[in-house]
Amino acid sequence: MPTSPVKTRIPLTSFGHLISEVKRQLFGIDAPTPTELTGWRKHFNSYTLQGRRNFVLVTYGVLALTAAVYMMRHSRKEEHETASASS
């Protein structure tokens, strides 16, 4: 088992919690309380589960939107090629 200078009981599968713990122990950076978070940081942060979930949802949304735009452009291009080939 690898050793680490960070003393934690957090399993290595929880990478976000591990990063927060490393920040706290090695660099002395404490996570802000939810009342200290204002503006967009209140909804998108790496300290709370809700903030992490919102990042994941936005990432999936951007990927889905990109795929939808690509599929629409790709289908229009095929329709245009078949229309010009038949005339």
PDB file of N, CA and C in Angstrom:
ATOM      1  N   MET A   1       0.845  -1.174   0.000  1.00  0.00           N
ATOM      2  CA  MET A   1       0.000   0.000   0.000  1.00  0.00           C
ATOM      3  C   MET A   1       0.893   1.242   0.000  1.00  0.00           C
ATOM      4  N   PRO A   2       0.611   2.204  -0.882  1.00  0.00           N
ATOM      5  CA  PRO A   2       1.439   3.413  -0.920  1.00  0.00           C
ATOM      6  C   PRO A   2       1.270   4.244   0.350  1.00  0.00           C
ATOM      7  N   THR A   3       2.350   4.872   0.740  1.00  0.00           N
ATOM      8  CA  THR A   3       2.287   5.731   1.920  1.00  0.00           C
ATOM      9  C   THR A   3       2.175   7.184   1.478  1.00  0.00           C
ATOM     10  N   SER A   4       1.646   7.996   2.359  1.00  0.00           N
ATOM     11  CA  SER A   4       1.419   9.392   2.040  1.00  0.00           C
ATOM     12  C   SER A   4       1.683  10.239   3.284  1.00  0.00           C
ATOM     13  N   PRO A   5       2.175  11.472   3.099  1.00  0.00           N
ATOM     14  CA  PRO A   5       2.347  12.333   4.264  1.00  0.00           C
ATOM     15  C   PRO A   5       1.026  12.848   4.822  1.00  0.00           C
ATOM     16  N   VAL A   6      -0.049  12.625   4.107  1.00  0.00           N
ATOM     17  CA  VAL A   6      -1.362  13.088   4.538  1.00  0.00           C
ATOM     18  C   VAL A   6      -2.002  12.004   5.389  1.00  0.00           C
ATOM     19  N   LYS A   7      -2.393  12.365   6.582  1.00  0.00           N
ATOM     20  CA  LYS A   7      -3.054  11.434   7.499  1.00  0.00           C
ATOM     21  C   LYS A   7      -4.557  11.540   7.284  1.00  0.00           C
ATOM     22  N   THR A   8      -5.124  10.515   6.687  1.00  0.00           N
ATOM     23  CA  THR A   8      -6.553  10.558   6.394  1.00  0.00           C
ATOM     24  C   THR A   8      -7.134   9.157   6.401  1.00  0.00           C
ATOM     25  N   ARG A   9      -8.412   9.089   6.701  1.00  0.00           N
ATOM     26  CA  ARG A   9      -9.127   7.823   6.638  1.00  0.00           C
ATOM     27  C   ARG A   9     -10.029   7.779   5.411  1.00  0.00           C
ATOM     28  N   ILE A  10      -9.902   8.755   4.549  1.00  0.00           N
ATOM     29  CA  ILE A  10     -10.733   8.832   3.357  1.00  0.00           C
ATOM     30  C   ILE A  10     -10.212   7.809   2.344  1.00  0.00           C
ATOM     31  N   PRO A  11     -11.076   6.966   1.792  1.00  0.00           N
ATOM     32  CA  PRO A  11     -10.597   5.990   0.806  1.00  0.00           C
ATOM     33  C   PRO A  11     -10.101   6.685  -0.454  1.00  0.00           C
ATOM     34  N   LEU A  12      -9.152   6.054  -1.123  1.00  0.00           N
ATOM     35  CA  LEU A  12      -8.569   6.654  -2.319  1.00  0.00           C
ATOM     36  C   LEU A  12      -9.564   6.769  -3.465  1.00  0.00           C
ATOM     37  N   THR A  13     -10.700   6.089  -3.364  1.00  0.00           N
ATOM     38  CA  THR A  13     -11.700   6.199  -4.423  1.00  0.00           C
ATOM     39  C   THR A  13     -12.405   7.545  -4.387  1.00  0.00           C
ATOM     40  N   SER A  14     -12.342   8.235  -3.273  1.00  0.00           N
ATOM     41  CA  SER A  14     -12.981   9.540  -3.146  1.00  0.00           C
ATOM     42  C   SER A  14     -11.942  10.623  -3.428  1.00  0.00           C
ATOM     43  N   PHE A  15     -11.660  10.849  -4.690  1.00  0.00           N
ATOM     44  CA  PHE A  15     -10.575  11.738  -5.098  1.00  0.00           C
ATOM     45  C   PHE A  15     -10.822  13.186  -4.679  1.00  0.00           C
ATOM     46  N   GLY A  16     -12.040  13.660  -4.801  1.00  0.00           N
ATOM     47  CA  GLY A  16     -12.341  15.038  -4.420  1.00  0.00           C
ATOM     48  C   GLY A  16     -12.098  15.288  -2.941  1.00  0.00           C
ATOM     49  N   HIS A  17     -12.511  14.342  -2.093  1.00  0.00           N
ATOM     50  CA  HIS A  17     -12.277  14.490  -0.666  1.00  0.00           C
ATOM     51  C   HIS A  17     -10.787  14.399  -0.353  1.00  0.00           C
ATOM     52  N   LEU A  18     -10.073  13.552  -1.074  1.00  0.00           N
ATOM     53  CA  LEU A  18      -8.636  13.427  -0.861  1.00  0.00           C
ATOM     54  C   LEU A  18      -7.922  14.728  -1.189  1.00  0.00           C
ATOM     55  N   ILE A  19      -8.309  15.370  -2.284  1.00  0.00           N
ATOM     56  CA  ILE A  19      -7.700  16.652  -2.659  1.00  0.00           C
ATOM     57  C   ILE A  19      -7.981  17.707  -1.590  1.00  0.00           C
ATOM     58  N   SER A  20      -9.215  17.747  -1.098  1.00  0.00           N
ATOM     59  CA  SER A  20      -9.560  18.708  -0.049  1.00  0.00           C
ATOM     60  C   SER A  20      -8.734  18.455   1.212  1.00  0.00           C
ATOM     61  N   GLU A  21      -8.534  17.192   1.541  1.00  0.00           N
ATOM     62  CA  GLU A  21      -7.750  16.847   2.722  1.00  0.00           C
ATOM     63  C   GLU A  21      -6.278  17.216   2.540  1.00  0.00           C
ATOM     64  N   VAL A  22      -5.739  17.008   1.348  1.00  0.00           N
ATOM     65  CA  VAL A  22      -4.352  17.385   1.061  1.00  0.00           C
ATOM     66  C   VAL A  22      -4.192  18.896   1.168  1.00  0.00           C
ATOM     67  N   LYS A  23      -5.133  19.638   0.618  1.00  0.00           N
ATOM     68  CA  LYS A  23      -5.083  21.098   0.722  1.00  0.00           C
ATOM     69  C   LYS A  23      -5.070  21.534   2.175  1.00  0.00           C
ATOM     70  N   ARG A  24      -5.890  20.902   2.969  1.00  0.00           N
ATOM     71  CA  ARG A  24      -6.003  21.291   4.372  1.00  0.00           C
ATOM     72  C   ARG A  24      -4.739  20.951   5.149  1.00  0.00           C
ATOM     73  N   GLN A  25      -4.205  19.742   4.977  1.00  0.00           N
ATOM     74  CA  GLN A  25      -3.094  19.301   5.793  1.00  0.00           C
ATOM     75  C   GLN A  25      -1.746  19.812   5.311  1.00  0.00           C
ATOM     76  N   LEU A  26      -1.500  19.787   4.017  1.00  0.00           N
ATOM     77  CA  LEU A  26      -0.186  20.189   3.519  1.00  0.00           C
ATOM     78  C   LEU A  26      -0.051  21.690   3.318  1.00  0.00           C
ATOM     79  N   PHE A  27      -1.110  22.326   2.853  1.00  0.00           N
ATOM     80  CA  PHE A  27      -1.015  23.738   2.512  1.00  0.00           C
ATOM     81  C   PHE A  27      -1.742  24.653   3.494  1.00  0.00           C
ATOM     82  N   GLY A  28      -2.467  24.088   4.440  1.00  0.00           N
ATOM     83  CA  GLY A  28      -3.175  24.894   5.427  1.00  0.00           C
ATOM     84  C   GLY A  28      -4.391  25.606   4.869  1.00  0.00           C
ATOM     85  N   ILE A  29      -4.925  25.124   3.739  1.00  0.00           N
ATOM     86  CA  ILE A  29      -6.095  25.747   3.119  1.00  0.00           C
ATOM     87  C   ILE A  29      -7.341  25.022   3.614  1.00  0.00           C
ATOM     88  N   ASP A  30      -8.164  25.713   4.370  1.00  0.00           N
ATOM     89  CA  ASP A  30      -9.409  25.122   4.854  1.00  0.00           C
ATOM     90  C   ASP A  30     -10.535  25.404   3.877  1.00  0.00           C
ATOM     91  N   ALA A  31     -11.453  24.472   3.809  1.00  0.00           N
ATOM     92  CA  ALA A  31     -12.623  24.657   2.952  1.00  0.00           C
ATOM     93  C   ALA A  31     -13.493  25.755   3.535  1.00  0.00           C
ATOM     94  N   PRO A  32     -14.016  26.638   2.693  1.00  0.00           N
ATOM     95  CA  PRO A  32     -14.895  27.686   3.209  1.00  0.00           C
ATOM     96  C   PRO A  32     -16.227  27.091   3.650  1.00  0.00           C
ATOM     97  N   THR A  33     -16.835  27.733   4.605  1.00  0.00           N
ATOM     98  CA  THR A  33     -18.167  27.286   5.012  1.00  0.00           C
ATOM     99  C   THR A  33     -19.163  27.694   3.937  1.00  0.00           C
ATOM    100  N   PRO A  34     -20.286  26.991   3.839  1.00  0.00           N
ATOM    101  CA  PRO A  34     -21.270  27.346   2.802  1.00  0.00           C
ATOM    102  C   PRO A  34     -21.753  28.787   2.873  1.00  0.00           C
ATOM    103  N   THR A  35     -21.719  29.397   4.046  1.00  0.00           N
ATOM    104  CA  THR A  35     -22.159  30.790   4.144  1.00  0.00           C
ATOM    105  C   THR A  35     -21.126  31.755   3.569  1.00  0.00           C
ATOM    106  N   GLU A  36     -19.860  31.329   3.481  1.00  0.00           N
ATOM    107  CA  GLU A  36     -18.819  32.182   2.904  1.00  0.00           C
ATOM    108  C   GLU A  36     -18.853  32.176   1.378  1.00  0.00           C
ATOM    109  N   LEU A  37     -19.474  31.163   0.797  1.00  0.00           N
ATOM    110  CA  LEU A  37     -19.539  31.059  -0.659  1.00  0.00           C
ATOM    111  C   LEU A  37     -20.659  31.949  -1.175  1.00  0.00           C
ATOM    112  N   THR A  38     -20.340  32.834  -2.098  1.00  0.00           N
ATOM    113  CA  THR A  38     -21.350  33.736  -2.658  1.00  0.00           C
ATOM    114  C   THR A  38     -21.288  33.683  -4.172  1.00  0.00           C
ATOM    115  N   GLY A  39     -22.339  34.173  -4.803  1.00  0.00           N
ATOM    116  CA  GLY A  39     -22.377  34.232  -6.262  1.00  0.00           C
ATOM    117  C   GLY A  39     -22.376  32.847  -6.873  1.00  0.00           C
ATOM    118  N   TRP A  40     -21.690  32.722  -8.008  1.00  0.00           N
ATOM    119  CA  TRP A  40     -21.667  31.434  -8.706  1.00  0.00           C
ATOM    120  C   TRP A  40     -20.872  30.395  -7.927  1.00  0.00           C
ATOM    121  N   ARG A  41     -19.985  30.823  -7.043  1.00  0.00           N
ATOM    122  CA  ARG A  41     -19.207  29.873  -6.235  1.00  0.00           C
ATOM    123  C   ARG A  41     -20.097  29.109  -5.264  1.00  0.00           C
ATOM    124  N   LYS A  42     -21.235  29.686  -4.954  1.00  0.00           N
ATOM    125  CA  LYS A  42     -22.174  29.011  -4.066  1.00  0.00           C
ATOM    126  C   LYS A  42     -22.734  27.755  -4.741  1.00  0.00           C
ATOM    127  N   HIS A  43     -22.884  27.804  -6.056  1.00  0.00           N
ATOM    128  CA  HIS A  43     -23.490  26.691  -6.789  1.00  0.00           C
ATOM    129  C   HIS A  43     -22.469  25.794  -7.478  1.00  0.00           C
ATOM    130  N   PHE A  44     -21.288  26.318  -7.785  1.00  0.00           N
ATOM    131  CA  PHE A  44     -20.253  25.546  -8.475  1.00  0.00           C
ATOM    132  C   PHE A  44     -18.965  25.643  -7.674  1.00  0.00           C
ATOM    133  N   ASN A  45     -18.700  24.615  -6.842  1.00  0.00           N
ATOM    134  CA  ASN A  45     -17.476  24.592  -6.053  1.00  0.00           C
ATOM    135  C   ASN A  45     -17.024  23.155  -5.877  1.00  0.00           C
ATOM    136  N   SER A  46     -15.814  22.969  -5.395  1.00  0.00           N
ATOM    137  CA  SER A  46     -15.298  21.624  -5.187  1.00  0.00           C
ATOM    138  C   SER A  46     -15.351  21.215  -3.724  1.00  0.00           C
ATOM    139  N   TYR A  47     -16.006  22.008  -2.889  1.00  0.00           N
ATOM    140  CA  TYR A  47     -16.045  21.723  -1.464  1.00  0.00           C
ATOM    141  C   TYR A  47     -17.308  21.002  -1.034  1.00  0.00           C
ATOM    142  N   THR A  48     -18.431  21.269  -1.675  1.00  0.00           N
ATOM    143  CA  THR A  48     -19.685  20.644  -1.259  1.00  0.00           C
ATOM    144  C   THR A  48     -20.133  19.633  -2.305  1.00  0.00           C
ATOM    145  N   LEU A  49     -20.923  18.678  -1.863  1.00  0.00           N
ATOM    146  CA  LEU A  49     -21.435  17.666  -2.798  1.00  0.00           C
ATOM    147  C   LEU A  49     -22.338  18.304  -3.844  1.00  0.00           C
ATOM    148  N   GLN A  50     -23.136  19.273  -3.446  1.00  0.00           N
ATOM    149  CA  GLN A  50     -24.012  19.944  -4.398  1.00  0.00           C
ATOM    150  C   GLN A  50     -23.193  20.687  -5.454  1.00  0.00           C
ATOM    151  N   GLY A  51     -22.103  21.331  -5.046  1.00  0.00           N
ATOM    152  CA  GLY A  51     -21.247  22.039  -5.991  1.00  0.00           C
ATOM    153  C   GLY A  51     -20.596  21.091  -6.984  1.00  0.00           C
ATOM    154  N   ARG A  52     -20.135  19.960  -6.497  1.00  0.00           N
ATOM    155  CA  ARG A  52     -19.529  18.963  -7.396  1.00  0.00           C
ATOM    156  C   ARG A  52     -20.566  18.394  -8.343  1.00  0.00           C
ATOM    157  N   ARG A  53     -21.765  18.132  -7.814  1.00  0.00           N
ATOM    158  CA  ARG A  53     -22.842  17.600  -8.659  1.00  0.00           C
ATOM    159  C   ARG A  53     -23.185  18.587  -9.769  1.00  0.00           C
ATOM    160  N   ASN A  54     -23.227  19.869  -9.447  1.00  0.00           N
ATOM    161  CA  ASN A  54     -23.546  20.875 -10.455  1.00  0.00           C
ATOM    162  C   ASN A  54     -22.487  20.920 -11.548  1.00  0.00           C
ATOM    163  N   PHE A  55     -21.211  20.780 -11.179  1.00  0.00           N
ATOM    164  CA  PHE A  55     -20.156  20.710 -12.191  1.00  0.00           C
ATOM    165  C   PHE A  55     -20.364  19.516 -13.112  1.00  0.00           C
ATOM    166  N   VAL A  56     -20.712  18.379 -12.545  1.00  0.00           N
ATOM    167  CA  VAL A  56     -20.934  17.172 -13.352  1.00  0.00           C
ATOM    168  C   VAL A  56     -22.114  17.380 -14.295  1.00  0.00           C
ATOM    169  N   LEU A  57     -23.210  17.949 -13.786  1.00  0.00           N
ATOM    170  CA  LEU A  57     -24.383  18.171 -14.628  1.00  0.00           C
ATOM    171  C   LEU A  57     -24.089  19.143 -15.766  1.00  0.00           C
ATOM    172  N   VAL A  58     -23.341  20.195 -15.489  1.00  0.00           N
ATOM    173  CA  VAL A  58     -22.984  21.150 -16.542  1.00  0.00           C
ATOM    174  C   VAL A  58     -22.087  20.488 -17.573  1.00  0.00           C
ATOM    175  N   THR A  59     -21.136  19.669 -17.120  1.00  0.00           N
ATOM    176  CA  THR A  59     -20.242  18.974 -18.051  1.00  0.00           C
ATOM    177  C   THR A  59     -21.035  18.050 -18.962  1.00  0.00           C
ATOM    178  N   TYR A  60     -21.935  17.247 -18.391  1.00  0.00           N
ATOM    179  CA  TYR A  60     -22.762  16.358 -19.207  1.00  0.00           C
ATOM    180  C   TYR A  60     -23.663  17.150 -20.150  1.00  0.00           C
ATOM    181  N   GLY A  61     -24.189  18.266 -19.677  1.00  0.00           N
ATOM    182  CA  GLY A  61     -25.035  19.099 -20.526  1.00  0.00           C
ATOM    183  C   GLY A  61     -24.277  19.652 -21.721  1.00  0.00           C
ATOM    184  N   VAL A  62     -23.054  20.119 -21.488  1.00  0.00           N
ATOM    185  CA  VAL A  62     -22.242  20.646 -22.590  1.00  0.00           C
ATOM    186  C   VAL A  62     -21.912  19.536 -23.584  1.00  0.00           C
ATOM    187  N   LEU A  63     -21.589  18.357 -23.091  1.00  0.00           N
ATOM    188  CA  LEU A  63     -21.304  17.238 -23.993  1.00  0.00           C
ATOM    189  C   LEU A  63     -22.537  16.859 -24.814  1.00  0.00           C
ATOM    190  N   ALA A  64     -23.704  16.816 -24.175  1.00  0.00           N
ATOM    191  CA  ALA A  64     -24.937  16.484 -24.893  1.00  0.00           C
ATOM    192  C   ALA A  64     -25.278  17.552 -25.926  1.00  0.00           C
ATOM    193  N   LEU A  65     -25.106  18.809 -25.566  1.00  0.00           N
ATOM    194  CA  LEU A  65     -25.371  19.906 -26.496  1.00  0.00           C
ATOM    195  C   LEU A  65     -24.422  19.854 -27.692  1.00  0.00           C
ATOM    196  N   THR A  66     -23.153  19.575 -27.432  1.00  0.00           N
ATOM    197  CA  THR A  66     -22.177  19.460 -28.516  1.00  0.00           C
ATOM    198  C   THR A  66     -22.541  18.313 -29.451  1.00  0.00           C
ATOM    199  N   ALA A  67     -22.932  17.181 -28.891  1.00  0.00           N
ATOM    200  CA  ALA A  67     -23.328  16.034 -29.717  1.00  0.00           C
ATOM    201  C   ALA A  67     -24.578  16.354 -30.533  1.00  0.00           C
ATOM    202  N   ALA A  68     -25.538  17.054 -29.930  1.00  0.00           N
ATOM    203  CA  ALA A  68     -26.771  17.399 -30.651  1.00  0.00           C
ATOM    204  C   ALA A  68     -26.474  18.348 -31.806  1.00  0.00           C
ATOM    205  N   VAL A  69     -25.630  19.350 -31.586  1.00  0.00           N
ATOM    206  CA  VAL A  69     -25.276  20.291 -32.655  1.00  0.00           C
ATOM    207  C   VAL A  69     -24.549  19.558 -33.770  1.00  0.00           C
ATOM    208  N   TYR A  70     -23.639  18.661 -33.417  1.00  0.00           N
ATOM    209  CA  TYR A  70     -22.911  17.905 -34.427  1.00  0.00           C
ATOM    210  C   TYR A  70     -23.865  17.043 -35.250  1.00  0.00           C
ATOM    211  N   MET A  71     -24.808  16.370 -34.573  1.00  0.00           N
ATOM    212  CA  MET A  71     -25.745  15.495 -35.287  1.00  0.00           C
ATOM    213  C   MET A  71     -26.643  16.313 -36.221  1.00  0.00           C
ATOM    214  N   MET A  72     -27.084  17.491 -35.788  1.00  0.00           N
ATOM    215  CA  MET A  72     -27.944  18.324 -36.641  1.00  0.00           C
ATOM    216  C   MET A  72     -27.163  18.820 -37.854  1.00  0.00           C
ATOM    217  N   ARG A  73     -25.948  19.265 -37.653  1.00  0.00           N
ATOM    218  CA  ARG A  73     -25.143  19.739 -38.782  1.00  0.00           C
ATOM    219  C   ARG A  73     -24.810  18.603 -39.738  1.00  0.00           C
ATOM    220  N   HIS A  74     -24.530  17.442 -39.184  1.00  0.00           N
ATOM    221  CA  HIS A  74     -24.180  16.287 -40.008  1.00  0.00           C
ATOM    222  C   HIS A  74     -25.376  15.857 -40.850  1.00  0.00           C
ATOM    223  N   SER A  75     -26.590  15.872 -40.287  1.00  0.00           N
ATOM    224  CA  SER A  75     -27.777  15.454 -41.041  1.00  0.00           C
ATOM    225  C   SER A  75     -28.119  16.483 -42.118  1.00  0.00           C
ATOM    226  N   ARG A  76     -27.923  17.765 -41.833  1.00  0.00           N
ATOM    227  CA  ARG A  76     -28.185  18.799 -42.847  1.00  0.00           C
ATOM    228  C   ARG A  76     -27.205  18.666 -44.010  1.00  0.00           C
ATOM    229  N   LYS A  77     -25.976  18.349 -43.720  1.00  0.00           N
ATOM    230  CA  LYS A  77     -24.972  18.219 -44.762  1.00  0.00           C
ATOM    231  C   LYS A  77     -25.314  17.038 -45.681  1.00  0.00           C
ATOM    232  N   GLU A  78     -25.787  15.930 -45.102  1.00  0.00           N
ATOM    233  CA  GLU A  78     -26.177  14.768 -45.912  1.00  0.00           C
ATOM    234  C   GLU A  78     -27.386  15.102 -46.782  1.00  0.00           C
ATOM    235  N   GLU A  79     -28.378  15.820 -46.239  1.00  0.00           N
ATOM    236  CA  GLU A  79     -29.559  16.195 -47.017  1.00  0.00           C
ATOM    237  C   GLU A  79     -29.166  17.099 -48.176  1.00  0.00           C
ATOM    238  N   HIS A  80     -28.254  18.013 -47.933  1.00  0.00           N
ATOM    239  CA  HIS A  80     -27.812  18.932 -48.983  1.00  0.00           C
ATOM    240  C   HIS A  80     -27.061  18.176 -50.079  1.00  0.00           C
ATOM    241  N   GLU A  81     -26.235  17.210 -49.704  1.00  0.00           N
ATOM    242  CA  GLU A  81     -25.475  16.440 -50.700  1.00  0.00           C
ATOM    243  C   GLU A  81     -26.401  15.559 -51.534  1.00  0.00           C
ATOM    244  N   THR A  82     -27.411  14.944 -50.926  1.00  0.00           N
ATOM    245  CA  THR A  82     -28.319  14.082 -51.676  1.00  0.00           C
ATOM    246  C   THR A  82     -29.216  14.912 -52.591  1.00  0.00           C
ATOM    247  N   ALA A  83     -29.612  16.102 -52.176  1.00  0.00           N
ATOM    248  CA  ALA A  83     -30.452  16.967 -52.999  1.00  0.00           C
ATOM    249  C   ALA A  83     -29.674  17.453 -54.226  1.00  0.00           C
ATOM    250  N   SER A  84     -28.417  17.810 -54.057  1.00  0.00           N
ATOM    251  CA  SER A  84     -27.650  18.301 -55.195  1.00  0.00           C
ATOM    252  C   SER A  84     -27.224  17.162 -56.113  1.00  0.00           C
ATOM    253  N   ALA A  85     -27.089  15.950 -55.592  1.00  0.00           N
ATOM    254  CA  ALA A  85     -26.708  14.811 -56.420  1.00  0.00           C
ATOM    255  C   ALA A  85     -27.879  14.331 -57.290  1.00  0.00           C
ATOM    256  N   SER A  86     -29.106  14.467 -56.794  1.00  0.00           N
ATOM    257  CA  SER A  86     -30.270  13.992 -57.547  1.00  0.00           C
ATOM    258  C   SER A  86     -30.707  14.987 -58.623  1.00  0.00           C
ATOM    259  N   SER A  87     -30.280  16.228 -58.560  1.00  0.00           N
ATOM    260  CA  SER A  87     -30.717  17.198 -59.549  1.00  0.00           C
ATOM    261  C   SER A  87     -29.786  17.295 -60.729  1.00  0.00           C
TER     262      SER A  87
END
